PDB file of N, CA and C in Angstrom:
ATOM      1  N   UNK A   1      99.022-103.192-185.282  1.00  0.00           N
ATOM      2  CA  UNK A   1      98.130-103.399-183.315  1.00  0.00           C
ATOM      3  C   UNK A   1      99.111-103.622-182.775  1.00  0.00           C
ATOM      4  N   UNK A   2      98.253-103.013-181.706  1.00  0.00           N
ATOM      5  CA  UNK A   2      99.050-103.065-180.441  1.00  0.00           C
ATOM      6  C   UNK A   2      98.286-105.030-179.676  1.00  0.00           C
ATOM      7  N   UNK A   3      98.794-106.225-179.942  1.00  0.00           N
ATOM      8  CA  UNK A   3      98.239-107.012-178.593  1.00  0.00           C
ATOM      9  C   UNK A   3      98.230-107.051-177.403  1.00  0.00           C
ATOM     10  N   UNK A   4      96.998-107.538-176.962  1.00  0.00           N
ATOM     11  CA  UNK A   4      97.222-107.671-175.652  1.00  0.00           C
ATOM     12  C   UNK A   4      98.162-108.808-175.013  1.00  0.00           C
ATOM     13  N   UNK A   5      98.787-108.674-174.284  1.00  0.00           N
ATOM     14  CA  UNK A   5      99.855-109.916-173.760  1.00  0.00           C
ATOM     15  C   UNK A   5      98.672-111.290-172.923  1.00  0.00           C
ATOM     16  N   UNK A   6      99.078-112.423-173.412  1.00  0.00           N
ATOM     17  CA  UNK A   6      98.181-113.201-173.350  1.00  0.00           C
ATOM     18  C   UNK A   6      98.507-113.378-171.399  1.00  0.00           C
ATOM     19  N   UNK A   7      97.502-113.892-170.717  1.00  0.00           N
ATOM     20  CA  UNK A   7      98.028-114.214-169.121  1.00  0.00           C
ATOM     21  C   UNK A   7      98.389-115.364-168.967  1.00  0.00           C
ATOM     22  N   UNK A   8      99.805-115.667-168.115  1.00  0.00           N
ATOM     23  CA  UNK A   8      99.911-116.473-168.178  1.00  0.00           C
ATOM     24  C   UNK A   8      99.337-117.973-167.202  1.00  0.00           C
ATOM     25  N   UNK A   9      99.483-116.949-166.363  1.00  0.00           N
ATOM     26  CA  UNK A   9      98.736-118.114-164.769  1.00  0.00           C
ATOM     27  C   UNK A   9      97.416-117.464-164.670  1.00  0.00           C
ATOM     28  N   UNK A  10      96.677-118.890-164.351  1.00  0.00           N
ATOM     29  CA  UNK A  10      94.961-118.731-164.072  1.00  0.00           C
ATOM     30  C   UNK A  10      95.370-117.424-162.348  1.00  0.00           C
ATOM     31  N   UNK A  11      95.769-117.506-161.796  1.00  0.00           N
ATOM     32  CA  UNK A  11      95.537-116.825-160.386  1.00  0.00           C
ATOM     33  C   UNK A  11      95.855-115.611-160.241  1.00  0.00           C
ATOM     34  N   UNK A  12      97.567-114.873-161.733  1.00  0.00           N
ATOM     35  CA  UNK A  12      97.288-113.687-161.951  1.00  0.00           C
ATOM     36  C   UNK A  12      95.718-113.100-162.385  1.00  0.00           C
ATOM     37  N   UNK A  13      95.614-113.770-162.992  1.00  0.00           N
ATOM     38  CA  UNK A  13      94.030-113.900-164.075  1.00  0.00           C
ATOM     39  C   UNK A  13      92.745-113.938-163.037  1.00  0.00           C
ATOM     40  N   UNK A  14      92.178-114.323-162.414  1.00  0.00           N
ATOM     41  CA  UNK A  14      91.651-114.507-161.127  1.00  0.00           C
ATOM     42  C   UNK A  14      92.021-113.225-160.286  1.00  0.00           C
ATOM     43  N   UNK A  15      93.645-112.657-159.906  1.00  0.00           N
ATOM     44  CA  UNK A  15      93.884-111.386-158.983  1.00  0.00           C
ATOM     45  C   UNK A  15      93.298-110.312-159.908  1.00  0.00           C
ATOM     46  N   UNK A  16      94.466-110.647-160.948  1.00  0.00           N
ATOM     47  CA  UNK A  16      93.400-108.797-162.442  1.00  0.00           C
ATOM     48  C   UNK A  16      91.548-108.545-162.060  1.00  0.00           C
ATOM     49  N   UNK A  17      91.312-109.990-162.113  1.00  0.00           N
ATOM     50  CA  UNK A  17      89.511-109.871-162.439  1.00  0.00           C
ATOM     51  C   UNK A  17      89.401-109.365-160.953  1.00  0.00           C
ATOM     52  N   UNK A  18      89.643-109.977-159.885  1.00  0.00           N
ATOM     53  CA  UNK A  18      89.244-109.424-158.523  1.00  0.00           C
ATOM     54  C   UNK A  18      89.396-107.966-158.372  1.00  0.00           C
ATOM     55  N   UNK A  19      90.529-107.492-158.890  1.00  0.00           N
ATOM     56  CA  UNK A  19      90.734-105.689-159.002  1.00  0.00           C
ATOM     57  C   UNK A  19      90.001-105.266-159.632  1.00  0.00           C
ATOM     58  N   UNK A  20      89.548-105.330-160.857  1.00  0.00           N
ATOM     59  CA  UNK A  20      88.870-104.539-161.507  1.00  0.00           C
ATOM     60  C   UNK A  20      87.585-104.538-161.220  1.00  0.00           C
ATOM     61  N   UNK A  21      86.741-105.750-160.347  1.00  0.00           N
ATOM     62  CA  UNK A  21      85.527-105.929-159.787  1.00  0.00           C
ATOM     63  C   UNK A  21      85.495-104.857-158.472  1.00  0.00           C
ATOM     64  N   UNK A  22      86.946-104.895-157.646  1.00  0.00           N
ATOM     65  CA  UNK A  22      86.971-103.963-156.734  1.00  0.00           C
ATOM     66  C   UNK A  22      86.686-102.516-157.142  1.00  0.00           C
ATOM     67  N   UNK A  23      87.823-102.298-158.376  1.00  0.00           N
ATOM     68  CA  UNK A  23      87.852-101.033-158.853  1.00  0.00           C
ATOM     69  C   UNK A  23      86.119-100.113-159.511  1.00  0.00           C
ATOM     70  N   UNK A  24      85.403-101.300-160.332  1.00  0.00           N
ATOM     71  CA  UNK A  24      84.101-101.002-160.356  1.00  0.00           C
ATOM     72  C   UNK A  24      83.141-101.029-159.706  1.00  0.00           C
ATOM     73  N   UNK A  25      83.377-101.645-158.844  1.00  0.00           N
ATOM     74  CA  UNK A  25      82.163-101.331-156.713  1.00  0.00           C
ATOM     75  C   UNK A  25      82.958-100.017-156.289  1.00  0.00           C
ATOM     76  N   UNK A  26      84.106 -99.836-156.121  1.00  0.00           N
ATOM     77  CA  UNK A  26      84.663 -98.204-155.654  1.00  0.00           C
ATOM     78  C   UNK A  26      83.989 -97.259-156.701  1.00  0.00           C
ATOM     79  N   UNK A  27      83.786 -97.472-157.935  1.00  0.00           N
ATOM     80  CA  UNK A  27      83.329 -96.347-158.530  1.00  0.00           C
ATOM     81  C   UNK A  27      82.111 -96.542-158.190  1.00  0.00           C
ATOM     82  N   UNK A  28      81.983 -97.037-158.770  1.00  0.00           N
ATOM     83  CA  UNK A  28      79.858 -96.551-158.516  1.00  0.00           C
ATOM     84  C   UNK A  28      79.912 -96.206-156.890  1.00  0.00           C
ATOM     85  N   UNK A  29      80.232 -96.756-155.572  1.00  0.00           N
ATOM     86  CA  UNK A  29      79.848 -96.010-154.953  1.00  0.00           C
ATOM     87  C   UNK A  29      80.495 -95.320-154.468  1.00  0.00           C
ATOM     88  N   UNK A  30      81.392 -94.684-155.244  1.00  0.00           N
ATOM     89  CA  UNK A  30      82.006 -92.605-155.240  1.00  0.00           C
ATOM     90  C   UNK A  30      80.447 -92.242-156.321  1.00  0.00           C
ATOM     91  N   UNK A  31      80.416 -92.652-157.456  1.00  0.00           N
ATOM     92  CA  UNK A  31      79.081 -92.026-157.846  1.00  0.00           C
ATOM     93  C   UNK A  31      77.559 -92.247-156.758  1.00  0.00           C
ATOM     94  N   UNK A  32      77.648 -92.981-156.332  1.00  0.00           N
ATOM     95  CA  UNK A  32      76.489 -92.903-155.287  1.00  0.00           C
ATOM     96  C   UNK A  32      76.360 -92.155-154.632  1.00  0.00           C
ATOM     97  N   UNK A  33      77.874 -92.211-153.692  1.00  0.00           N
ATOM     98  CA  UNK A  33      78.360 -91.120-152.850  1.00  0.00           C
ATOM     99  C   UNK A  33      78.072 -89.308-152.923  1.00  0.00           C
ATOM    100  N   UNK A  34      78.586 -89.469-153.852  1.00  0.00           N
ATOM    101  CA  UNK A  34      78.157 -88.125-154.608  1.00  0.00           C
ATOM    102  C   UNK A  34      77.366 -87.639-154.993  1.00  0.00           C
ATOM    103  N   UNK A  35      76.127 -88.339-155.640  1.00  0.00           N
ATOM    104  CA  UNK A  35      74.588 -88.235-155.812  1.00  0.00           C
ATOM    105  C   UNK A  35      73.967 -88.000-154.124  1.00  0.00           C
ATOM    106  N   UNK A  36      74.422 -89.141-153.796  1.00  0.00           N
ATOM    107  CA  UNK A  36      73.986 -88.630-152.037  1.00  0.00           C
ATOM    108  C   UNK A  36      74.254 -87.518-151.813  1.00  0.00           C
ATOM    109  N   UNK A  37      75.308 -87.008-151.870  1.00  0.00           N
ATOM    110  CA  UNK A  37      75.636 -85.474-151.172  1.00  0.00           C
ATOM    111  C   UNK A  37      75.728 -85.076-151.834  1.00  0.00           C
ATOM    112  N   UNK A  38      75.210 -84.128-152.895  1.00  0.00           N
ATOM    113  CA  UNK A  38      74.613 -83.535-153.793  1.00  0.00           C
ATOM    114  C   UNK A  38      72.974 -82.895-153.318  1.00  0.00           C
ATOM    115  N   UNK A  39      72.677 -84.652-153.588  1.00  0.00           N
ATOM    116  CA  UNK A  39      71.220 -84.056-153.906  1.00  0.00           C
ATOM    117  C   UNK A  39      70.784 -83.911-151.939  1.00  0.00           C
ATOM    118  N   UNK A  40      71.677 -84.682-150.573  1.00  0.00           N
ATOM    119  CA  UNK A  40      71.603 -83.913-149.353  1.00  0.00           C
ATOM    120  C   UNK A  40      72.035 -81.548-149.758  1.00  0.00           C
ATOM    121  N   UNK A  41      72.976 -81.368-150.121  1.00  0.00           N
ATOM    122  CA  UNK A  41      73.239 -80.707-150.055  1.00  0.00           C
ATOM    123  C   UNK A  41      72.263 -79.256-150.687  1.00  0.00           C
ATOM    124  N   UNK A  42      71.515 -79.975-151.996  1.00  0.00           N
ATOM    125  CA  UNK A  42      70.220 -79.388-152.611  1.00  0.00           C
ATOM    126  C   UNK A  42      68.326 -79.254-151.302  1.00  0.00           C
ATOM    127  N   UNK A  43      69.135 -80.362-150.453  1.00  0.00           N
ATOM    128  CA  UNK A  43      67.775 -80.592-149.876  1.00  0.00           C
ATOM    129  C   UNK A  43      68.033 -79.949-148.781  1.00  0.00           C
ATOM    130  N   UNK A  44      69.190 -79.474-148.287  1.00  0.00           N
ATOM    131  CA  UNK A  44      69.650 -78.520-146.979  1.00  0.00           C
ATOM    132  C   UNK A  44      69.577 -77.193-147.282  1.00  0.00           C
ATOM    133  N   UNK A  45      70.082 -76.751-148.222  1.00  0.00           N
ATOM    134  CA  UNK A  45      70.052 -75.364-149.328  1.00  0.00           C
ATOM    135  C   UNK A  45      68.270 -75.257-149.353  1.00  0.00           C
ATOM    136  N   UNK A  46      67.560 -75.698-149.779  1.00  0.00           N
ATOM    137  CA  UNK A  46      66.017 -75.120-149.989  1.00  0.00           C
ATOM    138  C   UNK A  46      65.716 -75.506-148.661  1.00  0.00           C
ATOM    139  N   UNK A  47      66.243 -76.018-147.270  1.00  0.00           N
ATOM    140  CA  UNK A  47      65.652 -76.094-146.200  1.00  0.00           C
ATOM    141  C   UNK A  47      66.258 -74.605-145.700  1.00  0.00           C
ATOM    142  N   UNK A  48      67.488 -74.364-145.598  1.00  0.00           N
ATOM    143  CA  UNK A  48      67.971 -72.784-145.675  1.00  0.00           C
ATOM    144  C   UNK A  48      67.241 -71.339-145.722  1.00  0.00           C
ATOM    145  N   UNK A  49      66.624 -72.331-147.275  1.00  0.00           N
ATOM    146  CA  UNK A  49      66.055 -70.486-147.668  1.00  0.00           C
ATOM    147  C   UNK A  49      64.438 -70.805-147.616  1.00  0.00           C
ATOM    148  N   UNK A  50      63.732 -71.779-147.442  1.00  0.00           N
ATOM    149  CA  UNK A  50      62.306 -72.101-146.055  1.00  0.00           C
ATOM    150  C   UNK A  50      62.912 -70.922-145.063  1.00  0.00           C
ATOM    151  N   UNK A  51      63.292 -71.760-144.490  1.00  0.00           N
ATOM    152  CA  UNK A  51      63.908 -71.378-142.758  1.00  0.00           C
ATOM    153  C   UNK A  51      63.955 -69.492-143.468  1.00  0.00           C
ATOM    154  N   UNK A  52      64.511 -69.174-144.139  1.00  0.00           N
ATOM    155  CA  UNK A  52      65.085 -67.814-144.234  1.00  0.00           C
ATOM    156  C   UNK A  52      63.790 -66.667-144.843  1.00  0.00           C
ATOM    157  N   UNK A  53      63.140 -67.618-145.318  1.00  0.00           N
ATOM    158  CA  UNK A  53      61.807 -67.458-146.072  1.00  0.00           C
ATOM    159  C   UNK A  53      60.625 -66.759-144.585  1.00  0.00           C
ATOM    160  N   UNK A  54      60.458 -67.863-143.718  1.00  0.00           N
ATOM    161  CA  UNK A  54      59.468 -68.019-142.738  1.00  0.00           C
ATOM    162  C   UNK A  54      59.462 -66.980-141.812  1.00  0.00           C
ATOM    163  N   UNK A  55      61.136 -66.594-141.463  1.00  0.00           N
ATOM    164  CA  UNK A  55      61.588 -65.745-140.543  1.00  0.00           C
ATOM    165  C   UNK A  55      61.125 -64.045-141.249  1.00  0.00           C
ATOM    166  N   UNK A  56      61.265 -63.828-142.435  1.00  0.00           N
ATOM    167  CA  UNK A  56      61.391 -62.513-143.234  1.00  0.00           C
ATOM    168  C   UNK A  56      59.670 -62.898-142.669  1.00  0.00           C
ATOM    169  N   UNK A  57      58.790 -63.549-143.206  1.00  0.00           N
ATOM    170  CA  UNK A  57      57.400 -63.338-142.980  1.00  0.00           C
ATOM    171  C   UNK A  57      57.052 -63.109-141.660  1.00  0.00           C
ATOM    172  N   UNK A  58      57.809 -63.566-140.725  1.00  0.00           N
ATOM    173  CA  UNK A  58      57.178 -63.375-139.074  1.00  0.00           C
ATOM    174  C   UNK A  58      57.901 -62.395-138.392  1.00  0.00           C
ATOM    175  N   UNK A  59      58.255 -61.653-139.649  1.00  0.00           N
ATOM    176  CA  UNK A  59      59.298 -60.196-139.434  1.00  0.00           C
ATOM    177  C   UNK A  59      58.441 -58.880-140.442  1.00  0.00           C
ATOM    178  N   UNK A  60      57.335 -59.786-141.009  1.00  0.00           N
ATOM    179  CA  UNK A  60      56.817 -58.353-141.756  1.00  0.00           C
ATOM    180  C   UNK A  60      55.490 -58.345-140.764  1.00  0.00           C
ATOM    181  N   UNK A  61      54.940 -59.975-140.472  1.00  0.00           N
ATOM    182  CA  UNK A  61      53.984 -59.560-139.779  1.00  0.00           C
ATOM    183  C   UNK A  61      54.071 -58.839-138.639  1.00  0.00           C
ATOM    184  N   UNK A  62      54.847 -58.725-137.703  1.00  0.00           N
ATOM    185  CA  UNK A  62      55.388 -57.740-136.131  1.00  0.00           C
ATOM    186  C   UNK A  62      55.367 -56.690-136.977  1.00  0.00           C
ATOM    187  N   UNK A  63      55.919 -55.751-138.304  1.00  0.00           N
ATOM    188  CA  UNK A  63      55.660 -55.526-138.477  1.00  0.00           C
ATOM    189  C   UNK A  63      54.547 -54.414-138.399  1.00  0.00           C
ATOM    190  N   UNK A  64      53.708 -55.248-139.425  1.00  0.00           N
ATOM    191  CA  UNK A  64      52.106 -54.805-139.607  1.00  0.00           C
ATOM    192  C   UNK A  64      51.446 -54.520-138.680  1.00  0.00           C
ATOM    193  N   UNK A  65      52.231 -55.522-137.381  1.00  0.00           N
ATOM    194  CA  UNK A  65      51.233 -55.193-136.284  1.00  0.00           C
ATOM    195  C   UNK A  65      51.467 -53.614-135.442  1.00  0.00           C
ATOM    196  N   UNK A  66      53.038 -53.491-135.611  1.00  0.00           N
ATOM    197  CA  UNK A  66      53.910 -52.286-134.806  1.00  0.00           C
ATOM    198  C   UNK A  66      53.021 -51.010-135.658  1.00  0.00           C
ATOM    199  N   UNK A  67      53.022 -51.018-136.884  1.00  0.00           N
ATOM    200  CA  UNK A  67      52.714 -50.282-138.010  1.00  0.00           C
ATOM    201  C   UNK A  67      50.651 -49.426-137.457  1.00  0.00           C
ATOM    202  N   UNK A  68      49.960 -51.012-137.639  1.00  0.00           N
ATOM    203  CA  UNK A  68      48.816 -50.659-137.132  1.00  0.00           C
ATOM    204  C   UNK A  68      48.507 -50.051-135.390  1.00  0.00           C
ATOM    205  N   UNK A  69      49.600 -50.382-134.498  1.00  0.00           N
ATOM    206  CA  UNK A  69      49.324 -49.801-132.741  1.00  0.00           C
ATOM    207  C   UNK A  69      50.074 -48.469-133.574  1.00  0.00           C
ATOM    208  N   UNK A  70      50.973 -48.031-134.157  1.00  0.00           N
ATOM    209  CA  UNK A  70      51.373 -46.630-134.433  1.00  0.00           C
ATOM    210  C   UNK A  70      50.074 -45.551-135.188  1.00  0.00           C
ATOM    211  N   UNK A  71      49.539 -46.237-136.155  1.00  0.00           N
ATOM    212  CA  UNK A  71      48.566 -45.778-136.766  1.00  0.00           C
ATOM    213  C   UNK A  71      47.492 -45.804-135.162  1.00  0.00           C
ATOM    214  N   UNK A  72      47.139 -46.092-134.781  1.00  0.00           N
ATOM    215  CA  UNK A  72      46.105 -46.142-133.565  1.00  0.00           C
ATOM    216  C   UNK A  72      46.288 -45.021-132.864  1.00  0.00           C
ATOM    217  N   UNK A  73      47.753 -45.075-132.089  1.00  0.00           N
ATOM    218  CA  UNK A  73      48.568 -43.917-131.589  1.00  0.00           C
ATOM    219  C   UNK A  73      48.626 -42.636-132.181  1.00  0.00           C
ATOM    220  N   UNK A  74      48.349 -43.005-133.303  1.00  0.00           N
ATOM    221  CA  UNK A  74      48.906 -41.127-133.464  1.00  0.00           C
ATOM    222  C   UNK A  74      47.011 -40.609-133.830  1.00  0.00           C
ATOM    223  N   UNK A  75      46.462 -41.718-134.412  1.00  0.00           N
ATOM    224  CA  UNK A  75      44.604 -40.975-133.921  1.00  0.00           C
ATOM    225  C   UNK A  75      44.422 -40.842-132.764  1.00  0.00           C
ATOM    226  N   UNK A  76      44.761 -41.378-131.617  1.00  0.00           N
ATOM    227  CA  UNK A  76      44.539 -41.129-130.388  1.00  0.00           C
ATOM    228  C   UNK A  76      45.415 -39.718-130.197  1.00  0.00           C
ATOM    229  N   UNK A  77      46.510 -40.030-130.582  1.00  0.00           N
ATOM    230  CA  UNK A  77      47.411 -38.093-130.040  1.00  0.00           C
ATOM    231  C   UNK A  77      47.193 -37.250-130.741  1.00  0.00           C
ATOM    232  N   UNK A  78      46.367 -37.413-132.004  1.00  0.00           N
ATOM    233  CA  UNK A  78      45.358 -36.459-132.877  1.00  0.00           C
ATOM    234  C   UNK A  78      44.478 -36.286-132.149  1.00  0.00           C
ATOM    235  N   UNK A  79      43.461 -37.310-131.203  1.00  0.00           N
ATOM    236  CA  UNK A  79      42.126 -36.485-130.498  1.00  0.00           C
ATOM    237  C   UNK A  79      42.355 -36.430-129.281  1.00  0.00           C
ATOM    238  N   UNK A  80      43.412 -36.204-128.576  1.00  0.00           N
ATOM    239  CA  UNK A  80      43.355 -35.367-127.660  1.00  0.00           C
ATOM    240  C   UNK A  80      44.264 -34.110-127.588  1.00  0.00           C
ATOM    241  N   UNK A  81      44.979 -33.973-128.862  1.00  0.00           N
ATOM    242  CA  UNK A  81      45.468 -32.725-129.297  1.00  0.00           C
ATOM    243  C   UNK A  81      44.148 -31.771-129.069  1.00  0.00           C
ATOM    244  N   UNK A  82      43.089 -32.387-130.522  1.00  0.00           N
ATOM    245  CA  UNK A  82      41.490 -31.547-130.713  1.00  0.00           C
ATOM    246  C   UNK A  82      41.033 -31.062-129.263  1.00  0.00           C
ATOM    247  N   UNK A  83      41.337 -32.118-128.258  1.00  0.00           N
ATOM    248  CA  UNK A  83      40.348 -32.096-126.880  1.00  0.00           C
ATOM    249  C   UNK A  83      41.472 -30.519-126.140  1.00  0.00           C
ATOM    250  N   UNK A  84      42.973 -30.601-126.490  1.00  0.00           N
ATOM    251  CA  UNK A  84      43.926 -29.854-125.729  1.00  0.00           C
ATOM    252  C   UNK A  84      43.477 -28.328-126.183  1.00  0.00           C
ATOM    253  N   UNK A  85      43.447 -28.261-127.444  1.00  0.00           N
ATOM    254  CA  UNK A  85      42.971 -26.881-128.689  1.00  0.00           C
ATOM    255  C   UNK A  85      41.670 -26.842-128.164  1.00  0.00           C
ATOM    256  N   UNK A  86      40.335 -26.830-127.659  1.00  0.00           N
ATOM    257  CA  UNK A  86      39.298 -26.859-127.656  1.00  0.00           C
ATOM    258  C   UNK A  86      39.846 -26.283-126.458  1.00  0.00           C
ATOM    259  N   UNK A  87      40.207 -26.640-125.365  1.00  0.00           N
ATOM    260  CA  UNK A  87      40.434 -26.514-124.006  1.00  0.00           C
ATOM    261  C   UNK A  87      40.817 -25.236-123.535  1.00  0.00           C
ATOM    262  N   UNK A  88      42.108 -24.847-124.365  1.00  0.00           N
ATOM    263  CA  UNK A  88      43.132 -23.883-124.317  1.00  0.00           C
ATOM    264  C   UNK A  88      42.532 -22.966-125.290  1.00  0.00           C
ATOM    265  N   UNK A  89      41.342 -22.771-126.018  1.00  0.00           N
ATOM    266  CA  UNK A  89      40.776 -21.398-126.642  1.00  0.00           C
ATOM    267  C   UNK A  89      40.227 -20.638-125.858  1.00  0.00           C
ATOM    268  N   UNK A  90      40.951 -19.364-125.577  1.00  0.00           N
ATOM    269  CA  UNK A  90      40.178 -18.081-124.556  1.00  0.00           C
ATOM    270  C   UNK A  90      38.643 -18.031-124.632  1.00  0.00           C
ATOM    271  N   UNK A  91      37.812 -18.164-125.854  1.00  0.00           N
ATOM    272  CA  UNK A  91      36.917 -18.095-125.685  1.00  0.00           C
ATOM    273  C   UNK A  91      36.098 -18.953-124.648  1.00  0.00           C
ATOM    274  N   UNK A  92      35.919 -20.252-125.048  1.00  0.00           N
ATOM    275  CA  UNK A  92      35.531 -21.144-123.813  1.00  0.00           C
ATOM    276  C   UNK A  92      36.065 -21.815-122.879  1.00  0.00           C
ATOM    277  N   UNK A  93      37.435 -20.731-122.756  1.00  0.00           N
ATOM    278  CA  UNK A  93      37.841 -20.428-121.061  1.00  0.00           C
ATOM    279  C   UNK A  93      36.546 -19.487-120.520  1.00  0.00           C
ATOM    280  N   UNK A  94      36.429 -18.727-121.805  1.00  0.00           N
ATOM    281  CA  UNK A  94      35.509 -17.246-120.861  1.00  0.00           C
ATOM    282  C   UNK A  94      34.441 -17.967-120.826  1.00  0.00           C
ATOM    283  N   UNK A  95      33.687 -18.638-121.534  1.00  0.00           N
ATOM    284  CA  UNK A  95      32.054 -19.209-121.727  1.00  0.00           C
ATOM    285  C   UNK A  95      32.500 -19.799-120.213  1.00  0.00           C
ATOM    286  N   UNK A  96      33.626 -21.149-119.412  1.00  0.00           N
ATOM    287  CA  UNK A  96      32.756 -21.972-118.799  1.00  0.00           C
ATOM    288  C   UNK A  96      33.136 -21.136-117.287  1.00  0.00           C
ATOM    289  N   UNK A  97      33.984 -20.130-117.384  1.00  0.00           N
ATOM    290  CA  UNK A  97      34.856 -19.163-116.638  1.00  0.00           C
ATOM    291  C   UNK A  97      33.866 -18.642-116.237  1.00  0.00           C
ATOM    292  N   UNK A  98      32.212 -18.054-116.875  1.00  0.00           N
ATOM    293  CA  UNK A  98      31.088 -17.504-116.395  1.00  0.00           C
ATOM    294  C   UNK A  98      29.895 -18.289-116.388  1.00  0.00           C
ATOM    295  N   UNK A  99      30.276 -19.409-117.238  1.00  0.00           N
ATOM    296  CA  UNK A  99      28.313 -20.492-116.692  1.00  0.00           C
ATOM    297  C   UNK A  99      29.282 -21.028-115.779  1.00  0.00           C
ATOM    298  N   UNK A 100      30.347 -21.865-115.259  1.00  0.00           N
ATOM    299  CA  UNK A 100      30.602 -22.525-114.139  1.00  0.00           C
ATOM    300  C   UNK A 100      30.956 -22.312-112.905  1.00  0.00           C
ATOM    301  N   UNK A 101      31.651 -20.988-112.912  1.00  0.00           N
ATOM    302  CA  UNK A 101      31.936 -20.649-112.096  1.00  0.00           C
ATOM    303  C   UNK A 101      31.426 -19.084-111.869  1.00  0.00           C
ATOM    304  N   UNK A 102      30.628 -18.521-112.707  1.00  0.00           N
ATOM    305  CA  UNK A 102      30.043 -17.338-112.207  1.00  0.00           C
ATOM    306  C   UNK A 102      30.638 -16.292-112.518  1.00  0.00           C
ATOM    307  N   UNK A 103      32.007 -16.166-113.355  1.00  0.00           N
ATOM    308  CA  UNK A 103      32.941 -15.125-112.951  1.00  0.00           C
ATOM    309  C   UNK A 103      32.381 -14.237-114.189  1.00  0.00           C
ATOM    310  N   UNK A 104      32.598 -12.932-114.219  1.00  0.00           N
ATOM    311  CA  UNK A 104      32.601 -11.824-115.246  1.00  0.00           C
ATOM    312  C   UNK A 104      33.239 -10.823-115.207  1.00  0.00           C
ATOM    313  N   UNK A 105      32.926 -10.044-116.297  1.00  0.00           N
ATOM    314  CA  UNK A 105      34.039  -9.108-116.257  1.00  0.00           C
ATOM    315  C   UNK A 105      33.617  -7.715-115.429  1.00  0.00           C
ATOM    316  N   UNK A 106      34.731  -7.309-115.157  1.00  0.00           N
ATOM    317  CA  UNK A 106      34.261  -6.142-113.705  1.00  0.00           C
ATOM    318  C   UNK A 106      33.154  -4.753-113.860  1.00  0.00           C
ATOM    319  N   UNK A 107      32.844  -4.821-112.884  1.00  0.00           N
ATOM    320  CA  UNK A 107      32.397  -3.673-113.656  1.00  0.00           C
ATOM    321  C   UNK A 107      32.815  -2.031-113.148  1.00  0.00           C
ATOM    322  N   UNK A 108      31.874  -1.174-113.470  1.00  0.00           N
ATOM    323  CA  UNK A 108      32.736   0.371-113.638  1.00  0.00           C
ATOM    324  C   UNK A 108      32.581   0.444-112.332  1.00  0.00           C
ATOM    325  N   UNK A 109      31.449   0.165-111.015  1.00  0.00           N
ATOM    326  CA  UNK A 109      32.042  -0.091-109.704  1.00  0.00           C
ATOM    327  C   UNK A 109      32.750  -0.492-109.207  1.00  0.00           C
ATOM    328  N   UNK A 110      33.718  -1.812-109.964  1.00  0.00           N
ATOM    329  CA  UNK A 110      34.051  -2.750-108.769  1.00  0.00           C
ATOM    330  C   UNK A 110      35.721  -2.231-109.221  1.00  0.00           C
ATOM    331  N   UNK A 111      35.452  -1.416-110.350  1.00  0.00           N
ATOM    332  CA  UNK A 111      37.278  -1.324-110.368  1.00  0.00           C
ATOM    333  C   UNK A 111      37.724  -0.109-109.924  1.00  0.00           C
ATOM    334  N   UNK A 112      38.788   0.080-109.548  1.00  0.00           N
ATOM    335  CA  UNK A 112      39.659   0.397-108.436  1.00  0.00           C
ATOM    336  C   UNK A 112      40.936   0.799-108.461  1.00  0.00           C
ATOM    337  N   UNK A 113      41.686   1.846-108.888  1.00  0.00           N
ATOM    338  CA  UNK A 113      42.690   2.369-109.627  1.00  0.00           C
ATOM    339  C   UNK A 113      43.968   2.808-108.129  1.00  0.00           C
ATOM    340  N   UNK A 114      44.283   2.220-108.387  1.00  0.00           N
ATOM    341  CA  UNK A 114      45.898   2.242-107.423  1.00  0.00           C
ATOM    342  C   UNK A 114      46.911   3.440-107.989  1.00  0.00           C
ATOM    343  N   UNK A 115      46.988   4.341-107.373  1.00  0.00           N
ATOM    344  CA  UNK A 115      48.174   5.359-108.088  1.00  0.00           C
ATOM    345  C   UNK A 115      49.755   4.961-107.197  1.00  0.00           C
ATOM    346  N   UNK A 116      50.477   4.791-108.137  1.00  0.00           N
ATOM    347  CA  UNK A 116      52.457   4.376-107.827  1.00  0.00           C
ATOM    348  C   UNK A 116      52.907   5.889-107.579  1.00  0.00           C
ATOM    349  N   UNK A 117      54.103   5.836-106.987  1.00  0.00           N
ATOM    350  CA  UNK A 117      54.396   7.066-107.203  1.00  0.00           C
ATOM    351  C   UNK A 117      55.847   6.586-107.906  1.00  0.00           C
ATOM    352  N   UNK A 118      56.668   7.211-108.674  1.00  0.00           N
ATOM    353  CA  UNK A 118      58.158   7.137-109.165  1.00  0.00           C
ATOM    354  C   UNK A 118      58.899   7.108-108.206  1.00  0.00           C
TER     355      UNK A 118
END
């Protein structure tokens, strides 16, 4: 068994005791700063994630608004297409020409034939 050497001088003993105390305080300080840095890193990471989720939710909200606008515009386009189809049907054109403009097919006595020589 090894025996510890006895301290010969009181000053040397006090100096060693001070150094041990400084080492202990330094270790405690390092542990404390490590814990604080870990906690702050976790806190910053959580805040970063929350910010990311908030941005994603904002973008989803904008996408929803744009999709609803697109749906409204699609319905409006379809309604206009139906109106165009109604207005360009030949029977409807004939009916409007007859009713509003008083146009009708020519009668036999109104038709004139022109001969063209070749």
